[in-house]
Amino acid sequence: MRILLMRHAEATPGFPDESRQLTPYGEASLRNCPERLQPYLDEVTHIFVSPYQRTQQTLSILLPSQKGTLLDLITPEGDPETVLNYLQLLPDESTVLLVTHMPLVGRLYSSLVEGESRFGIGFMPAQLEVIDCDLPAAGLGRSIAQFTHQL
């Protein structure tokens, strides 16, 4: 399985958290997609996006012709183990794009690649990490590429 872990692009501050929108900079940074990212995006077979507005906006700019499945498991305070268990239900040959939030995205990365999700690594807005794994479980992932979207 290949997993593309992505944090949403830069968003405005505000409340409620679920309704925060992308900033103009966040939108523009996604339109500046690194050319070498495209082959990974072309392989995607499953797209899951948090129900929060800014993740849905991120997906609609990154892949305008694609629709993602809203997944309540990938909100900011989601549990990495629960997400990995969910991904284990997908076919082994899947390429999955998850558009989510900090701290979950960092904790998922740390769980997959380092085997421990307690603290997680930091992700910049619109950062995307590509991870290969035979099984989406703690410590079984290999980071193969990293992309940041910046102007």
Protein backbone atom coordinates (compact mmCIF):
# COMPACT_ATOMS: atom_id res chain seq x y z
CA MET A 1 0.00 0.00 0.00
CA ARG A 2 1.10 3.53 -0.68
CA ILE A 3 -0.15 6.28 1.62
CA LEU A 4 0.00 9.97 0.79
CA LEU A 5 -0.35 11.87 4.07
CA MET A 6 -1.20 15.52 3.63
CA ARG A 7 -1.86 18.39 5.97
CA HIS A 8 -4.34 20.99 4.70
CA ALA A 9 -3.00 24.25 3.28
CA GLU A 10 -2.68 27.45 5.35
CA ALA A 11 -6.00 28.37 6.97
CA THR A 12 -7.42 31.43 8.68
CA PRO A 13 -7.72 31.48 12.45
CA GLY A 14 -11.22 31.32 13.84
CA PHE A 15 -14.02 29.47 15.51
CA PRO A 16 -15.62 27.04 15.09
CA ASP A 17 -12.54 25.11 14.02
CA GLU A 18 -14.54 22.97 11.58
CA SER A 19 -15.48 26.05 9.53
CA ARG A 20 -12.07 27.65 9.09
CA GLN A 21 -11.26 28.52 5.47
CA LEU A 22 -8.00 28.51 3.52
CA THR A 23 -6.19 31.83 3.26
CA PRO A 24 -5.47 33.30 -0.19
CA TYR A 25 -1.84 32.23 0.36
CA GLY A 26 -2.97 28.68 1.18
CA GLU A 27 -5.04 28.50 -1.99
CA ALA A 28 -2.23 29.93 -4.14
CA SER A 29 0.37 27.56 -2.67
CA LEU A 30 -1.71 24.55 -3.74
CA ARG A 31 -1.85 25.83 -7.31
CA ASN A 32 1.96 25.76 -7.28
CA CYS A 33 2.03 21.94 -7.16
CA PRO A 34 5.52 20.45 -7.54
CA GLU A 35 5.74 18.72 -10.93
CA ARG A 36 7.32 15.61 -9.46
CA LEU A 37 4.28 15.13 -7.16
CA GLN A 38 1.88 14.54 -10.07
CA PRO A 39 2.84 10.88 -10.76
CA TYR A 40 1.99 10.02 -7.14
CA LEU A 41 -1.36 11.82 -7.36
CA ASP A 42 -2.15 10.01 -10.62
CA GLU A 43 -1.84 6.65 -8.81
CA VAL A 44 -4.40 7.47 -6.08
CA THR A 45 -7.20 4.91 -5.80
CA HIS A 46 -8.83 6.12 -2.56
CA ILE A 47 -9.18 9.66 -1.20
CA PHE A 48 -10.22 10.38 2.36
CA VAL A 49 -10.70 13.89 3.65
CA SER A 50 -11.60 15.27 7.05
CA PRO A 51 -15.08 16.78 7.29
CA TYR A 52 -13.50 20.14 8.19
CA GLN A 53 -13.89 22.84 5.54
CA ARG A 54 -10.19 23.58 5.03
CA THR A 55 -9.31 19.98 4.15
CA GLN A 56 -12.11 19.82 1.60
CA GLN A 57 -10.90 23.10 0.06
CA THR A 58 -7.35 21.72 -0.06
CA LEU A 59 -8.51 18.65 -1.98
CA SER A 60 -10.68 20.65 -4.39
CA ILE A 61 -7.69 22.81 -5.39
CA LEU A 62 -5.10 20.02 -5.43
CA LEU A 63 -7.28 17.60 -7.43
CA PRO A 64 -10.21 19.59 -8.84
CA SER A 65 -11.73 16.66 -10.74
CA GLN A 66 -11.63 14.27 -7.76
CA LYS A 67 -14.04 13.75 -4.90
CA GLY A 68 -12.94 12.47 -1.53
CA THR A 69 -14.81 10.43 1.04
CA LEU A 70 -15.44 12.34 4.26
CA LEU A 71 -13.90 10.42 7.14
CA ASP A 72 -14.57 11.47 10.72
CA LEU A 73 -11.56 9.42 11.87
CA ILE A 74 -9.09 11.96 10.43
CA THR A 75 -10.01 15.11 12.33
CA PRO A 76 -7.25 16.87 14.34
CA GLU A 77 -7.61 14.73 17.46
CA GLY A 78 -8.12 11.43 15.62
CA ASP A 79 -6.41 8.29 16.84
CA PRO A 80 -3.59 6.98 14.60
CA GLU A 81 -4.20 3.34 15.50
CA THR A 82 -7.89 3.61 14.57
CA VAL A 83 -6.98 5.18 11.21
CA LEU A 84 -4.40 2.47 10.47
CA ASN A 85 -6.92 -0.24 11.35
CA TYR A 86 -9.36 1.36 8.91
CA LEU A 87 -6.74 1.44 6.14
CA GLN A 88 -6.06 -2.26 6.67
CA LEU A 89 -9.55 -2.94 5.29
CA LEU A 90 -8.52 -1.59 1.87
CA PRO A 91 -6.88 -3.74 -0.83
CA ASP A 92 -3.11 -4.16 -0.43
CA GLU A 93 -2.40 -2.52 -3.80
CA SER A 94 -4.27 0.69 -2.88
CA THR A 95 -2.76 4.16 -3.11
CA VAL A 96 -4.50 6.27 -0.49
CA LEU A 97 -4.55 10.06 -0.12
CA LEU A 98 -5.44 11.32 3.37
CA VAL A 99 -6.04 15.08 3.67
CA THR A 100 -6.05 15.83 7.37
CA HIS A 101 -4.71 18.01 10.19
CA MET A 102 -2.06 18.44 12.83
CA PRO A 103 -1.54 16.79 15.22
CA LEU A 104 -3.03 13.65 13.62
CA VAL A 105 -1.02 13.80 10.39
CA GLY A 106 2.26 14.00 12.32
CA ARG A 107 1.24 11.22 14.67
CA LEU A 108 0.20 9.00 11.73
CA TYR A 109 3.56 9.56 10.05
CA SER A 110 5.45 8.78 13.25
CA SER A 111 3.40 5.66 13.87
CA LEU A 112 3.89 4.31 10.35
CA VAL A 113 7.57 5.16 9.91
CA GLU A 114 8.95 5.22 13.45
CA GLY A 115 6.57 2.81 15.19
CA GLU A 116 5.50 5.34 17.83
CA SER A 117 2.74 7.95 17.60
CA ARG A 118 2.86 9.60 21.00
CA PHE A 119 4.44 12.86 19.88
CA GLY A 120 4.45 12.88 16.09
CA ILE A 121 6.49 15.06 13.76
CA GLY A 122 5.60 18.55 12.60
CA PHE A 123 3.99 19.05 9.18
CA MET A 124 3.99 22.41 7.40
CA PRO A 125 0.69 23.53 5.87
CA ALA A 126 0.15 21.68 2.56
CA GLN A 127 3.06 19.29 3.24
CA LEU A 128 2.62 15.84 1.74
CA GLU A 129 4.59 12.71 2.65
CA VAL A 130 4.57 9.54 0.55
CA ILE A 131 4.88 6.32 2.54
CA ASP A 132 5.10 2.76 1.24
CA CYS A 133 4.13 -0.14 3.45
CA ASP A 134 3.24 -3.80 3.04
CA LEU A 135 0.66 -3.35 5.78
CA PRO A 136 -0.47 0.00 7.25
CA ALA A 137 0.68 -0.68 10.79
CA ALA A 138 3.07 0.83 13.32
CA GLY A 139 6.70 0.77 12.21
CA LEU A 140 6.09 -0.86 8.82
CA GLY A 141 6.17 2.27 6.64
CA ARG A 142 9.04 3.62 4.54
CA SER A 143 9.08 7.31 3.67
CA ILE A 144 9.90 7.62 -0.04
CA ALA A 145 9.13 11.27 -0.87
CA GLN A 146 8.23 14.61 0.69
CA PHE A 147 6.59 17.63 -0.94
CA THR A 148 5.87 21.12 0.29
CA HIS A 149 3.69 23.63 -1.51
CA GLN A 150 5.12 27.12 -1.34
CA LEU A 151 4.99 30.23 -3.47
